[in-house]
C-alpha atoms as a PDB file:
ATOM      1  CA  UNK A   1     -13.615  -3.625  13.250  1.00  0.00           C
ATOM      2  CA  UNK A   2     -13.370  -5.941  10.244  1.00  0.00           C
ATOM      3  CA  UNK A   3     -15.892  -3.946   8.156  1.00  0.00           C
ATOM      4  CA  UNK A   4     -13.866  -0.769   8.809  1.00  0.00           C
ATOM      5  CA  UNK A   5     -10.501  -2.262   7.891  1.00  0.00           C
ATOM      6  CA  UNK A   6     -11.828  -4.012   4.791  1.00  0.00           C
ATOM      7  CA  UNK A   7     -13.316  -0.708   3.603  1.00  0.00           C
ATOM      8  CA  UNK A   8      -9.926   0.905   4.239  1.00  0.00           C
ATOM      9  CA  UNK A   9      -8.162  -1.895   2.351  1.00  0.00           C
ATOM     10  CA  UNK A  10     -10.544  -1.665  -0.591  1.00  0.00           C
ATOM     11  CA  UNK A  11      -9.836   2.064  -0.908  1.00  0.00           C
ATOM     12  CA  UNK A  12      -6.114   1.450  -0.474  1.00  0.00           C
ATOM     13  CA  UNK A  13      -6.118  -0.941  -3.425  1.00  0.00           C
ATOM     14  CA  UNK A  14      -7.497   1.822  -5.658  1.00  0.00           C
ATOM     15  CA  UNK A  15      -4.484   3.980  -4.753  1.00  0.00           C
ATOM     16  CA  UNK A  16      -1.740   1.502  -5.650  1.00  0.00           C
ATOM     17  CA  UNK A  17       0.322   2.902  -8.508  1.00  0.00           C
ATOM     18  CA  UNK A  18       1.664   1.077 -11.559  1.00  0.00           C
ATOM     19  CA  UNK A  19       4.988   0.413  -9.832  1.00  0.00           C
ATOM     20  CA  UNK A  20       3.221  -1.174  -6.853  1.00  0.00           C
ATOM     21  CA  UNK A  21       3.620   1.626  -4.296  1.00  0.00           C
ATOM     22  CA  UNK A  22       0.926   3.035  -2.035  1.00  0.00           C
ATOM     23  CA  UNK A  23       0.982   6.808  -1.424  1.00  0.00           C
ATOM     24  CA  UNK A  24       1.788   7.949   2.099  1.00  0.00           C
ATOM     25  CA  UNK A  25      -0.241  11.139   1.983  1.00  0.00           C
ATOM     26  CA  UNK A  26      -3.267  12.366   0.047  1.00  0.00           C
ATOM     27  CA  UNK A  27      -4.295  15.977  -0.405  1.00  0.00           C
ATOM     28  CA  UNK A  28      -7.341  16.337   1.873  1.00  0.00           C
ATOM     29  CA  UNK A  29      -9.242  18.380  -0.718  1.00  0.00           C
ATOM     30  CA  UNK A  30      -8.387  16.601  -3.977  1.00  0.00           C
ATOM     31  CA  UNK A  31      -7.357  13.160  -2.647  1.00  0.00           C
ATOM     32  CA  UNK A  32      -4.390  13.273  -5.022  1.00  0.00           C
ATOM     33  CA  UNK A  33      -1.181  11.654  -3.752  1.00  0.00           C
ATOM     34  CA  UNK A  34       1.624  13.966  -2.721  1.00  0.00           C
ATOM     35  CA  UNK A  35       4.361  13.743  -5.368  1.00  0.00           C
ATOM     36  CA  UNK A  36       6.988  13.686  -2.606  1.00  0.00           C
ATOM     37  CA  UNK A  37       5.370  10.780  -0.742  1.00  0.00           C
ATOM     38  CA  UNK A  38       3.847   8.850  -3.628  1.00  0.00           C
ATOM     39  CA  UNK A  39       6.557   6.189  -3.520  1.00  0.00           C
ATOM     40  CA  UNK A  40       7.922   6.201  -0.002  1.00  0.00           C
ATOM     41  CA  UNK A  41       9.098   3.506   2.400  1.00  0.00           C
ATOM     42  CA  UNK A  42       5.706   3.728   4.119  1.00  0.00           C
ATOM     43  CA  UNK A  43       4.434   1.367   1.439  1.00  0.00           C
ATOM     44  CA  UNK A  44       5.886  -1.283   3.765  1.00  0.00           C
ATOM     45  CA  UNK A  45       3.173  -0.600   6.354  1.00  0.00           C
ATOM     46  CA  UNK A  46       0.486  -1.253   3.767  1.00  0.00           C
ATOM     47  CA  UNK A  47       2.230  -4.524   2.906  1.00  0.00           C
ATOM     48  CA  UNK A  48       2.000  -5.677   6.521  1.00  0.00           C
ATOM     49  CA  UNK A  49      -1.591  -4.540   6.849  1.00  0.00           C
ATOM     50  CA  UNK A  50      -2.755  -6.201   3.633  1.00  0.00           C
ATOM     51  CA  UNK A  51      -0.927  -9.475   4.315  1.00  0.00           C
ATOM     52  CA  UNK A  52      -2.552  -9.746   7.753  1.00  0.00           C
ATOM     53  CA  UNK A  53      -5.952  -8.890   6.317  1.00  0.00           C
ATOM     54  CA  UNK A  54      -5.493 -11.480   3.570  1.00  0.00           C
ATOM     55  CA  UNK A  55      -4.693 -14.087   6.220  1.00  0.00           C
ATOM     56  CA  UNK A  56      -7.770 -13.122   8.223  1.00  0.00           C
ATOM     57  CA  UNK A  57     -10.242 -12.949   5.335  1.00  0.00           C
ATOM     58  CA  UNK A  58      -8.810 -15.284   2.705  1.00  0.00           C
ATOM     59  CA  UNK A  59      -9.140 -12.484   0.121  1.00  0.00           C
ATOM     60  CA  UNK A  60      -6.474 -13.123  -2.494  1.00  0.00           C
ATOM     61  CA  UNK A  61      -6.617  -9.579  -3.888  1.00  0.00           C
ATOM     62  CA  UNK A  62      -5.187  -8.198  -0.654  1.00  0.00           C
ATOM     63  CA  UNK A  63      -2.283 -10.648  -0.792  1.00  0.00           C
ATOM     64  CA  UNK A  64      -1.689  -9.933  -4.478  1.00  0.00           C
ATOM     65  CA  UNK A  65      -1.534  -6.162  -3.875  1.00  0.00           C
ATOM     66  CA  UNK A  66       0.736  -6.662  -0.854  1.00  0.00           C
ATOM     67  CA  UNK A  67       3.174  -8.779  -2.848  1.00  0.00           C
ATOM     68  CA  UNK A  68       3.284  -6.168  -5.634  1.00  0.00           C
ATOM     69  CA  UNK A  69       4.024  -3.513  -3.029  1.00  0.00           C
ATOM     70  CA  UNK A  70       6.688  -5.659  -1.389  1.00  0.00           C
ATOM     71  CA  UNK A  71       8.381  -6.083  -4.746  1.00  0.00           C
ATOM     72  CA  UNK A  72       8.307  -2.304  -5.195  1.00  0.00           C
ATOM     73  CA  UNK A  73       9.958  -1.736  -1.812  1.00  0.00           C
ATOM     74  CA  UNK A  74      12.641  -4.323  -2.533  1.00  0.00           C
ATOM     75  CA  UNK A  75      13.265  -2.841  -5.980  1.00  0.00           C
ATOM     76  CA  UNK A  76      12.958   0.915  -5.324  1.00  0.00           C
ATOM     77  CA  UNK A  77      13.495   1.585  -1.612  1.00  0.00           C
ATOM     78  CA  UNK A  78      15.955  -0.892  -0.127  1.00  0.00           C
ATOM     79  CA  UNK A  79      18.790  -0.651  -2.696  1.00  0.00           C
ATOM     80  CA  UNK A  80      19.169   3.100  -2.213  1.00  0.00           C
ATOM     81  CA  UNK A  81      18.380   3.216   1.497  1.00  0.00           C
ATOM     82  CA  UNK A  82      15.351   5.492   1.218  1.00  0.00           C
ATOM     83  CA  UNK A  83      14.472   5.040   4.886  1.00  0.00           C
END
């Protein structure tokens, strides 16, 4: 399963926005992020996934992206209760 999840993670990293969020939904035809779900609390799930993968593989880029995303959740989601 590791080849599958690393391929998923590599694609996920290409979707991280400037603020650090990961989109929750992509248009199936254009692969563009939904404007409504571009910066949602679901970024937290990608944080957990990438941190675990970083621990398993030792890949620092996964940890770096996860920490950026965690900062985004703390900054943009938690203070206003966007759960």
